[in-house]
PDB file of N, CA and C in Angstrom:
ATOM      1  N   MET A   1     142.399  36.780 202.001  1.00  0.00           N
ATOM      2  CA  MET A   1     142.057  35.867 200.923  1.00  0.00           C
ATOM      3  C   MET A   1     142.729  34.531 201.203  1.00  0.00           C
ATOM      4  N   ALA A   2     141.952  33.531 201.376  1.00  0.00           N
ATOM      5  CA  ALA A   2     142.484  32.193 201.617  1.00  0.00           C
ATOM      6  C   ALA A   2     142.190  31.311 200.411  1.00  0.00           C
ATOM      7  N   LEU A   3     143.180  30.555 200.018  1.00  0.00           N
ATOM      8  CA  LEU A   3     143.007  29.632 198.905  1.00  0.00           C
ATOM      9  C   LEU A   3     142.452  28.306 199.407  1.00  0.00           C
ATOM     10  N   THR A   4     141.857  27.576 198.489  1.00  0.00           N
ATOM     11  CA  THR A   4     141.374  26.237 198.805  1.00  0.00           C
ATOM     12  C   THR A   4     142.209  25.233 198.023  1.00  0.00           C
ATOM     13  N   LEU A   5     142.013  23.963 198.318  1.00  0.00           N
ATOM     14  CA  LEU A   5     142.744  22.908 197.617  1.00  0.00           C
ATOM     15  C   LEU A   5     142.403  22.913 196.131  1.00  0.00           C
ATOM     16  N   SER A   6     141.167  23.256 195.782  1.00  0.00           N
ATOM     17  CA  SER A   6     140.792  23.302 194.364  1.00  0.00           C
ATOM     18  C   SER A   6     141.526  24.448 193.647  1.00  0.00           C
ATOM     19  N   ASP A   7     141.798  25.547 194.369  1.00  0.00           N
ATOM     20  CA  ASP A   7     142.564  26.635 193.770  1.00  0.00           C
ATOM     21  C   ASP A   7     143.990  26.182 193.454  1.00  0.00           C
ATOM     22  N   VAL A   8     144.588  25.441 194.375  1.00  0.00           N
ATOM     23  CA  VAL A   8     145.941  24.933 194.158  1.00  0.00           C
ATOM     24  C   VAL A   8     145.958  23.947 192.999  1.00  0.00           C
ATOM     25  N   GLU A   9     144.951  23.099 192.904  1.00  0.00           N
ATOM     26  CA  GLU A   9     144.864  22.157 191.786  1.00  0.00           C
ATOM     27  C   GLU A   9     144.772  22.906 190.457  1.00  0.00           C
ATOM     28  N   LYS A  10     143.986  23.980 190.433  1.00  0.00           N
ATOM     29  CA  LYS A  10     143.828  24.766 189.209  1.00  0.00           C
ATOM     30  C   LYS A  10     145.141  25.456 188.843  1.00  0.00           C
ATOM     31  N   ILE A  11     145.826  26.026 189.836  1.00  0.00           N
ATOM     32  CA  ILE A  11     147.115  26.675 189.582  1.00  0.00           C
ATOM     33  C   ILE A  11     148.122  25.657 189.057  1.00  0.00           C
ATOM     34  N   ALA A  12     148.158  24.480 189.650  1.00  0.00           N
ATOM     35  CA  ALA A  12     149.077  23.433 189.211  1.00  0.00           C
ATOM     36  C   ALA A  12     148.772  23.008 187.777  1.00  0.00           C
ATOM     37  N   ARG A  13     147.485  22.873 187.460  1.00  0.00           N
ATOM     38  CA  ARG A  13     147.099  22.476 186.094  1.00  0.00           C
ATOM     39  C   ARG A  13     147.502  23.552 185.102  1.00  0.00           C
ATOM     40  N   LEU A  14     147.256  24.829 185.423  1.00  0.00           N
ATOM     41  CA  LEU A  14     147.618  25.920 184.527  1.00  0.00           C
ATOM     42  C   LEU A  14     149.130  26.041 184.367  1.00  0.00           C
ATOM     43  N   SER A  15     149.871  25.656 185.419  1.00  0.00           N
ATOM     44  CA  SER A  15     151.331  25.714 185.390  1.00  0.00           C
ATOM     45  C   SER A  15     151.942  24.449 184.810  1.00  0.00           C
ATOM     46  N   ARG A  16     151.104  23.514 184.466  1.00  0.00           N
ATOM     47  CA  ARG A  16     151.543  22.221 183.933  1.00  0.00           C
ATOM     48  C   ARG A  16     152.446  21.484 184.922  1.00  0.00           C
ATOM     49  N   LEU A  17     152.047  21.525 186.209  1.00  0.00           N
ATOM     50  CA  LEU A  17     152.781  20.839 187.264  1.00  0.00           C
ATOM     51  C   LEU A  17     151.986  19.637 187.726  1.00  0.00           C
ATOM     52  N   ALA A  18     152.660  18.527 187.876  1.00  0.00           N
ATOM     53  CA  ALA A  18     152.034  17.336 188.422  1.00  0.00           C
ATOM     54  C   ALA A  18     152.394  17.271 189.906  1.00  0.00           C
ATOM     55  N   LEU A  19     151.412  17.509 190.766  1.00  0.00           N
ATOM     56  CA  LEU A  19     151.646  17.534 192.198  1.00  0.00           C
ATOM     57  C   LEU A  19     150.863  16.427 192.884  1.00  0.00           C
ATOM     58  N   SER A  20     151.502  15.773 193.849  1.00  0.00           N
ATOM     59  CA  SER A  20     150.797  14.763 194.644  1.00  0.00           C
ATOM     60  C   SER A  20     149.876  15.476 195.633  1.00  0.00           C
ATOM     61  N   ASP A  21     149.013  14.703 196.280  1.00  0.00           N
ATOM     62  CA  ASP A  21     148.100  15.290 197.263  1.00  0.00           C
ATOM     63  C   ASP A  21     148.875  15.934 198.416  1.00  0.00           C
ATOM     64  N   ALA A  22     149.977  15.282 198.822  1.00  0.00           N
ATOM     65  CA  ALA A  22     150.786  15.825 199.913  1.00  0.00           C
ATOM     66  C   ALA A  22     151.443  17.146 199.494  1.00  0.00           C
ATOM     67  N   GLU A  23     151.931  17.203 198.255  1.00  0.00           N
ATOM     68  CA  GLU A  23     152.550  18.431 197.758  1.00  0.00           C
ATOM     69  C   GLU A  23     151.525  19.565 197.647  1.00  0.00           C
ATOM     70  N   GLN A  24     150.329  19.222 197.192  1.00  0.00           N
ATOM     71  CA  GLN A  24     149.274  20.233 197.085  1.00  0.00           C
ATOM     72  C   GLN A  24     148.914  20.796 198.454  1.00  0.00           C
ATOM     73  N   ALA A  25     148.828  19.925 199.443  1.00  0.00           N
ATOM     74  CA  ALA A  25     148.499  20.377 200.799  1.00  0.00           C
ATOM     75  C   ALA A  25     149.602  21.283 201.352  1.00  0.00           C
ATOM     76  N   LYS A  26     150.866  20.924 201.103  1.00  0.00           N
ATOM     77  CA  LYS A  26     151.987  21.729 201.574  1.00  0.00           C
ATOM     78  C   LYS A  26     152.006  23.091 200.886  1.00  0.00           C
ATOM     79  N   ILE A  27     151.775  23.107 199.575  1.00  0.00           N
ATOM     80  CA  ILE A  27     151.752  24.365 198.822  1.00  0.00           C
ATOM     81  C   ILE A  27     150.579  25.224 199.264  1.00  0.00           C
ATOM     82  N   LEU A  28     149.436  24.616 199.534  1.00  0.00           N
ATOM     83  CA  LEU A  28     148.271  25.362 200.021  1.00  0.00           C
ATOM     84  C   LEU A  28     148.619  26.072 201.331  1.00  0.00           C
ATOM     85  N   GLU A  29     149.283  25.362 202.227  1.00  0.00           N
ATOM     86  CA  GLU A  29     149.672  25.953 203.512  1.00  0.00           C
ATOM     87  C   GLU A  29     150.653  27.108 203.305  1.00  0.00           C
ATOM     88  N   GLN A  30     151.630  26.911 202.426  1.00  0.00           N
ATOM     89  CA  GLN A  30     152.623  27.954 202.176  1.00  0.00           C
ATOM     90  C   GLN A  30     151.985  29.189 201.534  1.00  0.00           C
ATOM     91  N   LEU A  31     151.130  28.989 200.539  1.00  0.00           N
ATOM     92  CA  LEU A  31     150.483  30.126 199.877  1.00  0.00           C
ATOM     93  C   LEU A  31     149.569  30.887 200.833  1.00  0.00           C
ATOM     94  N   ASN A  32     148.812  30.164 201.640  1.00  0.00           N
ATOM     95  CA  ASN A  32     147.951  30.837 202.614  1.00  0.00           C
ATOM     96  C   ASN A  32     148.781  31.588 203.652  1.00  0.00           C
ATOM     97  N   GLY A  33     149.965  31.074 203.987  1.00  0.00           N
ATOM     98  CA  GLY A  33     150.867  31.786 204.887  1.00  0.00           C
ATOM     99  C   GLY A  33     151.352  33.091 204.269  1.00  0.00           C
ATOM    100  N   ILE A  34     151.668  33.038 202.965  1.00  0.00           N
ATOM    101  CA  ILE A  34     152.105  34.246 202.260  1.00  0.00           C
ATOM    102  C   ILE A  34     150.980  35.266 202.215  1.00  0.00           C
ATOM    103  N   PHE A  35     149.773  34.821 201.888  1.00  0.00           N
ATOM    104  CA  PHE A  35     148.636  35.740 201.838  1.00  0.00           C
ATOM    105  C   PHE A  35     148.325  36.311 203.220  1.00  0.00           C
ATOM    106  N   GLY A  36     148.527  35.512 204.267  1.00  0.00           N
ATOM    107  CA  GLY A  36     148.333  36.011 205.622  1.00  0.00           C
ATOM    108  C   GLY A  36     149.335  37.104 205.967  1.00  0.00           C
ATOM    109  N   LEU A  37     150.590  36.911 205.548  1.00  0.00           N
ATOM    110  CA  LEU A  37     151.618  37.919 205.778  1.00  0.00           C
ATOM    111  C   LEU A  37     151.289  39.205 205.018  1.00  0.00           C
ATOM    112  N   ILE A  38     150.813  39.080 203.798  1.00  0.00           N
ATOM    113  CA  ILE A  38     150.421  40.260 203.013  1.00  0.00           C
ATOM    114  C   ILE A  38     149.284  40.998 203.699  1.00  0.00           C
ATOM    115  N   ALA A  39     148.323  40.263 204.216  1.00  0.00           N
ATOM    116  CA  ALA A  39     147.197  40.899 204.907  1.00  0.00           C
ATOM    117  C   ALA A  39     147.677  41.652 206.147  1.00  0.00           C
ATOM    118  N   LYS A  40     148.627  41.073 206.897  1.00  0.00           N
ATOM    119  CA  LYS A  40     149.171  41.752 208.074  1.00  0.00           C
ATOM    120  C   LYS A  40     149.892  43.031 207.668  1.00  0.00           C
ATOM    121  N   MET A  41     150.654  42.976 206.578  1.00  0.00           N
ATOM    122  CA  MET A  41     151.390  44.153 206.130  1.00  0.00           C
ATOM    123  C   MET A  41     150.444  45.251 205.649  1.00  0.00           C
ATOM    124  N   GLN A  42     149.359  44.863 205.005  1.00  0.00           N
ATOM    125  CA  GLN A  42     148.400  45.854 204.531  1.00  0.00           C
ATOM    126  C   GLN A  42     147.607  46.462 205.682  1.00  0.00           C
ATOM    127  N   ALA A  43     147.525  45.784 206.803  1.00  0.00           N
ATOM    128  CA  ALA A  43     146.763  46.286 207.944  1.00  0.00           C
ATOM    129  C   ALA A  43     147.540  47.329 208.744  1.00  0.00           C
ATOM    130  N   VAL A  44     148.833  47.459 208.508  1.00  0.00           N
ATOM    131  CA  VAL A  44     149.657  48.410 209.249  1.00  0.00           C
ATOM    132  C   VAL A  44     149.302  49.831 208.815  1.00  0.00           C
ATOM    133  N   ASP A  45     149.122  50.721 209.800  1.00  0.00           N
ATOM    134  CA  ASP A  45     148.803  52.117 209.520  1.00  0.00           C
ATOM    135  C   ASP A  45     150.087  52.837 209.108  1.00  0.00           C
ATOM    136  N   THR A  46     150.136  53.285 207.862  1.00  0.00           N
ATOM    137  CA  THR A  46     151.324  53.965 207.358  1.00  0.00           C
ATOM    138  C   THR A  46     151.052  55.440 207.058  1.00  0.00           C
ATOM    139  N   ASP A  47     149.973  55.973 207.576  1.00  0.00           N
ATOM    140  CA  ASP A  47     149.682  57.394 207.367  1.00  0.00           C
ATOM    141  C   ASP A  47     150.780  58.230 208.025  1.00  0.00           C
ATOM    142  N   GLY A  48     151.275  59.207 207.298  1.00  0.00           N
ATOM    143  CA  GLY A  48     152.302  60.095 207.825  1.00  0.00           C
ATOM    144  C   GLY A  48     153.708  59.542 207.751  1.00  0.00           C
ATOM    145  N   VAL A  49     153.882  58.375 207.162  1.00  0.00           N
ATOM    146  CA  VAL A  49     155.216  57.791 207.029  1.00  0.00           C
ATOM    147  C   VAL A  49     155.720  58.109 205.625  1.00  0.00           C
ATOM    148  N   GLU A  50     156.852  58.785 205.560  1.00  0.00           N
ATOM    149  CA  GLU A  50     157.420  59.129 204.261  1.00  0.00           C
ATOM    150  C   GLU A  50     158.141  57.921 203.676  1.00  0.00           C
ATOM    151  N   PRO A  51     157.946  57.688 202.387  1.00  0.00           N
ATOM    152  CA  PRO A  51     158.674  56.583 201.760  1.00  0.00           C
ATOM    153  C   PRO A  51     160.168  56.866 201.732  1.00  0.00           C
ATOM    154  N   LEU A  52     160.948  55.817 201.875  1.00  0.00           N
ATOM    155  CA  LEU A  52     162.399  55.954 201.836  1.00  0.00           C
ATOM    156  C   LEU A  52     162.916  55.707 200.424  1.00  0.00           C
ATOM    157  N   SER A  53     163.946  56.428 200.048  1.00  0.00           N
ATOM    158  CA  SER A  53     164.563  56.148 198.755  1.00  0.00           C
ATOM    159  C   SER A  53     165.436  54.906 198.854  1.00  0.00           C
ATOM    160  N   HIS A  54     165.871  54.616 200.065  1.00  0.00           N
ATOM    161  CA  HIS A  54     166.712  53.446 200.311  1.00  0.00           C
ATOM    162  C   HIS A  54     166.469  53.023 201.755  1.00  0.00           C
ATOM    163  N   PRO A  55     166.409  51.729 202.043  1.00  0.00           N
ATOM    164  CA  PRO A  55     166.108  51.316 203.410  1.00  0.00           C
ATOM    165  C   PRO A  55     167.190  51.676 204.422  1.00  0.00           C
ATOM    166  N   HIS A  56     168.382  51.931 203.942  1.00  0.00           N
ATOM    167  CA  HIS A  56     169.481  52.280 204.840  1.00  0.00           C
ATOM    168  C   HIS A  56     169.889  53.720 204.574  1.00  0.00           C
ATOM    169  N   GLU A  57     169.170  54.649 205.168  1.00  0.00           N
ATOM    170  CA  GLU A  57     169.442  56.068 204.965  1.00  0.00           C
ATOM    171  C   GLU A  57     170.665  56.482 205.771  1.00  0.00           C
ATOM    172  N   GLY A  58     171.807  56.270 205.246  1.00  0.00           N
ATOM    173  CA  GLY A  58     173.018  56.644 205.953  1.00  0.00           C
ATOM    174  C   GLY A  58     174.124  56.947 204.971  1.00  0.00           C
ATOM    175  N   ALA A  59     175.158  57.524 205.460  1.00  0.00           N
ATOM    176  CA  ALA A  59     176.300  57.833 204.611  1.00  0.00           C
ATOM    177  C   ALA A  59     177.123  56.571 204.406  1.00  0.00           C
ATOM    178  N   GLN A  60     177.581  56.407 203.200  1.00  0.00           N
ATOM    179  CA  GLN A  60     178.431  55.267 202.912  1.00  0.00           C
ATOM    180  C   GLN A  60     179.850  55.559 203.365  1.00  0.00           C
ATOM    181  N   ARG A  61     180.478  54.555 203.900  1.00  0.00           N
ATOM    182  CA  ARG A  61     181.884  54.690 204.256  1.00  0.00           C
ATOM    183  C   ARG A  61     182.688  54.521 202.978  1.00  0.00           C
ATOM    184  N   LEU A  62     183.444  55.515 202.641  1.00  0.00           N
ATOM    185  CA  LEU A  62     184.253  55.464 201.432  1.00  0.00           C
ATOM    186  C   LEU A  62     185.713  55.344 201.805  1.00  0.00           C
ATOM    187  N   ARG A  63     186.421  54.557 201.044  1.00  0.00           N
ATOM    188  CA  ARG A  63     187.853  54.430 201.284  1.00  0.00           C
ATOM    189  C   ARG A  63     188.582  55.485 200.467  1.00  0.00           C
ATOM    190  N   GLU A  64     189.771  55.789 200.883  1.00  0.00           N
ATOM    191  CA  GLU A  64     190.577  56.761 200.170  1.00  0.00           C
ATOM    192  C   GLU A  64     190.968  56.193 198.811  1.00  0.00           C
ATOM    193  N   ASP A  65     190.910  57.009 197.787  1.00  0.00           N
ATOM    194  CA  ASP A  65     191.228  56.583 196.428  1.00  0.00           C
ATOM    195  C   ASP A  65     192.727  56.698 196.205  1.00  0.00           C
ATOM    196  N   VAL A  66     193.427  55.595 196.418  1.00  0.00           N
ATOM    197  CA  VAL A  66     194.871  55.579 196.249  1.00  0.00           C
ATOM    198  C   VAL A  66     195.250  54.423 195.328  1.00  0.00           C
ATOM    199  N   VAL A  67     196.361  54.581 194.637  1.00  0.00           N
ATOM    200  CA  VAL A  67     196.871  53.526 193.766  1.00  0.00           C
ATOM    201  C   VAL A  67     197.448  52.428 194.641  1.00  0.00           C
ATOM    202  N   SER A  68     196.980  51.198 194.397  1.00  0.00           N
ATOM    203  CA  SER A  68     197.456  50.094 195.230  1.00  0.00           C
ATOM    204  C   SER A  68     198.344  49.115 194.453  1.00  0.00           C
ATOM    205  N   GLU A  69     198.383  49.255 193.123  1.00  0.00           N
ATOM    206  CA  GLU A  69     199.224  48.381 192.319  1.00  0.00           C
ATOM    207  C   GLU A  69     200.029  49.216 191.338  1.00  0.00           C
ATOM    208  N   SER A  70     201.164  48.690 190.955  1.00  0.00           N
ATOM    209  CA  SER A  70     201.999  49.414 190.000  1.00  0.00           C
ATOM    210  C   SER A  70     201.520  49.156 188.583  1.00  0.00           C
ATOM    211  N   ASP A  71     201.927  50.042 187.666  1.00  0.00           N
ATOM    212  CA  ASP A  71     201.559  49.906 186.253  1.00  0.00           C
ATOM    213  C   ASP A  71     202.433  48.826 185.628  1.00  0.00           C
ATOM    214  N   ARG A  72     201.815  47.726 185.214  1.00  0.00           N
ATOM    215  CA  ARG A  72     202.571  46.612 184.632  1.00  0.00           C
ATOM    216  C   ARG A  72     202.218  46.408 183.170  1.00  0.00           C
ATOM    217  N   ARG A  73     201.732  47.461 182.500  1.00  0.00           N
ATOM    218  CA  ARG A  73     201.324  47.336 181.104  1.00  0.00           C
ATOM    219  C   ARG A  73     202.467  46.846 180.233  1.00  0.00           C
ATOM    220  N   GLU A  74     203.644  47.388 180.422  1.00  0.00           N
ATOM    221  CA  GLU A  74     204.797  46.991 179.596  1.00  0.00           C
ATOM    222  C   GLU A  74     205.098  45.498 179.768  1.00  0.00           C
ATOM    223  N   ASP A  75     205.005  45.002 180.996  1.00  0.00           N
ATOM    224  CA  ASP A  75     205.259  43.574 181.246  1.00  0.00           C
ATOM    225  C   ASP A  75     204.235  42.703 180.529  1.00  0.00           C
ATOM    226  N   PHE A  76     202.964  43.091 180.605  1.00  0.00           N
ATOM    227  CA  PHE A  76     201.911  42.291 179.989  1.00  0.00           C
ATOM    228  C   PHE A  76     201.971  42.370 178.468  1.00  0.00           C
ATOM    229  N   GLN A  77     202.299  43.542 177.930  1.00  0.00           N
ATOM    230  CA  GLN A  77     202.317  43.686 176.480  1.00  0.00           C
ATOM    231  C   GLN A  77     203.593  43.117 175.861  1.00  0.00           C
ATOM    232  N   ALA A  78     204.601  42.880 176.652  1.00  0.00           N
ATOM    233  CA  ALA A  78     205.845  42.310 176.131  1.00  0.00           C
ATOM    234  C   ALA A  78     205.627  40.901 175.599  1.00  0.00           C
ATOM    235  N   ILE A  79     204.666  40.186 176.131  1.00  0.00           N
ATOM    236  CA  ILE A  79     204.424  38.809 175.689  1.00  0.00           C
ATOM    237  C   ILE A  79     203.274  38.714 174.691  1.00  0.00           C
ATOM    238  N   ALA A  80     202.642  39.844 174.344  1.00  0.00           N
ATOM    239  CA  ALA A  80     201.530  39.836 173.389  1.00  0.00           C
ATOM    240  C   ALA A  80     202.069  39.686 171.975  1.00  0.00           C
ATOM    241  N   PRO A  81     201.317  39.000 171.090  1.00  0.00           N
ATOM    242  CA  PRO A  81     201.782  38.826 169.708  1.00  0.00           C
ATOM    243  C   PRO A  81     201.957  40.149 168.969  1.00  0.00           C
ATOM    244  N   GLN A  82     200.996  41.066 169.092  1.00  0.00           N
ATOM    245  CA  GLN A  82     201.098  42.343 168.396  1.00  0.00           C
ATOM    246  C   GLN A  82     200.561  43.465 169.280  1.00  0.00           C
ATOM    247  N   VAL A  83     201.340  44.543 169.365  1.00  0.00           N
ATOM    248  CA  VAL A  83     200.956  45.704 170.169  1.00  0.00           C
ATOM    249  C   VAL A  83     201.374  46.955 169.402  1.00  0.00           C
ATOM    250  N   ARG A  84     200.521  47.991 169.438  1.00  0.00           N
ATOM    251  CA  ARG A  84     200.891  49.278 168.857  1.00  0.00           C
ATOM    252  C   ARG A  84     200.278  50.394 169.695  1.00  0.00           C
ATOM    253  N   ASP A  85     201.071  51.355 170.066  1.00  0.00           N
ATOM    254  CA  ASP A  85     200.635  52.512 170.852  1.00  0.00           C
ATOM    255  C   ASP A  85     199.937  52.111 172.153  1.00  0.00           C
ATOM    256  N   GLY A  86     200.427  51.045 172.769  1.00  0.00           N
ATOM    257  CA  GLY A  86     199.860  50.617 174.042  1.00  0.00           C
ATOM    258  C   GLY A  86     198.570  49.822 173.916  1.00  0.00           C
ATOM    259  N   LEU A  87     198.188  49.445 172.690  1.00  0.00           N
ATOM    260  CA  LEU A  87     196.949  48.687 172.466  1.00  0.00           C
ATOM    261  C   LEU A  87     197.287  47.316 171.895  1.00  0.00           C
ATOM    262  N   TYR A  88     196.490  46.326 172.253  1.00  0.00           N
ATOM    263  CA  TYR A  88     196.651  44.992 171.710  1.00  0.00           C
ATOM    264  C   TYR A  88     196.012  44.949 170.322  1.00  0.00           C
ATOM    265  N   LEU A  89     196.711  44.398 169.351  1.00  0.00           N
ATOM    266  CA  LEU A  89     196.175  44.250 168.006  1.00  0.00           C
ATOM    267  C   LEU A  89     195.681  42.807 167.849  1.00  0.00           C
ATOM    268  N   VAL A  90     194.443  42.681 167.393  1.00  0.00           N
ATOM    269  CA  VAL A  90     193.840  41.357 167.212  1.00  0.00           C
ATOM    270  C   VAL A  90     193.293  41.267 165.804  1.00  0.00           C
ATOM    271  N   PRO A  91     193.190  40.055 165.267  1.00  0.00           N
ATOM    272  CA  PRO A  91     192.657  39.913 163.918  1.00  0.00           C
ATOM    273  C   PRO A  91     191.176  40.263 163.873  1.00  0.00           C
ATOM    274  N   LYS A  92     190.746  40.780 162.734  1.00  0.00           N
ATOM    275  CA  LYS A  92     189.347  41.130 162.538  1.00  0.00           C
ATOM    276  C   LYS A  92     188.548  39.844 162.402  1.00  0.00           C
ATOM    277  N   VAL A  93     187.473  39.716 163.192  1.00  0.00           N
ATOM    278  CA  VAL A  93     186.674  38.490 163.159  1.00  0.00           C
ATOM    279  C   VAL A  93     185.267  38.736 162.635  1.00  0.00           C
ATOM    280  N   ILE A  94     184.853  39.985 162.544  1.00  0.00           N
ATOM    281  CA  ILE A  94     183.524  40.311 162.040  1.00  0.00           C
ATOM    282  C   ILE A  94     183.686  41.223 160.839  1.00  0.00           C
ATOM    283  N   GLU A  95     183.037  40.852 159.750  1.00  0.00           N
ATOM    284  CA  GLU A  95     183.133  41.666 158.528  1.00  0.00           C
ATOM    285  C   GLU A  95     182.362  42.946 158.688  1.00  0.00           C
TER     286      GLU A  95
END
């Protein structure tokens, strides 16, 4: 499917875009390039090819789950205005 300049003009009008003649010609070339790529992809024989759940079918490298920082809750809560049972107390802002 190839677009014409009148198709681009119609798309621009429907999109409320003001395009110069040079811009319309450039967009026409780009859109026809996209449609050409789609046509090439649709022409590929995919019979017998199973769809992938993910393009990278491999095991993920996982790092060991270790604690990398110390617990500093007491330090942070020492400077808080109000704290109770390890929780920050804040004023009610929504009724």
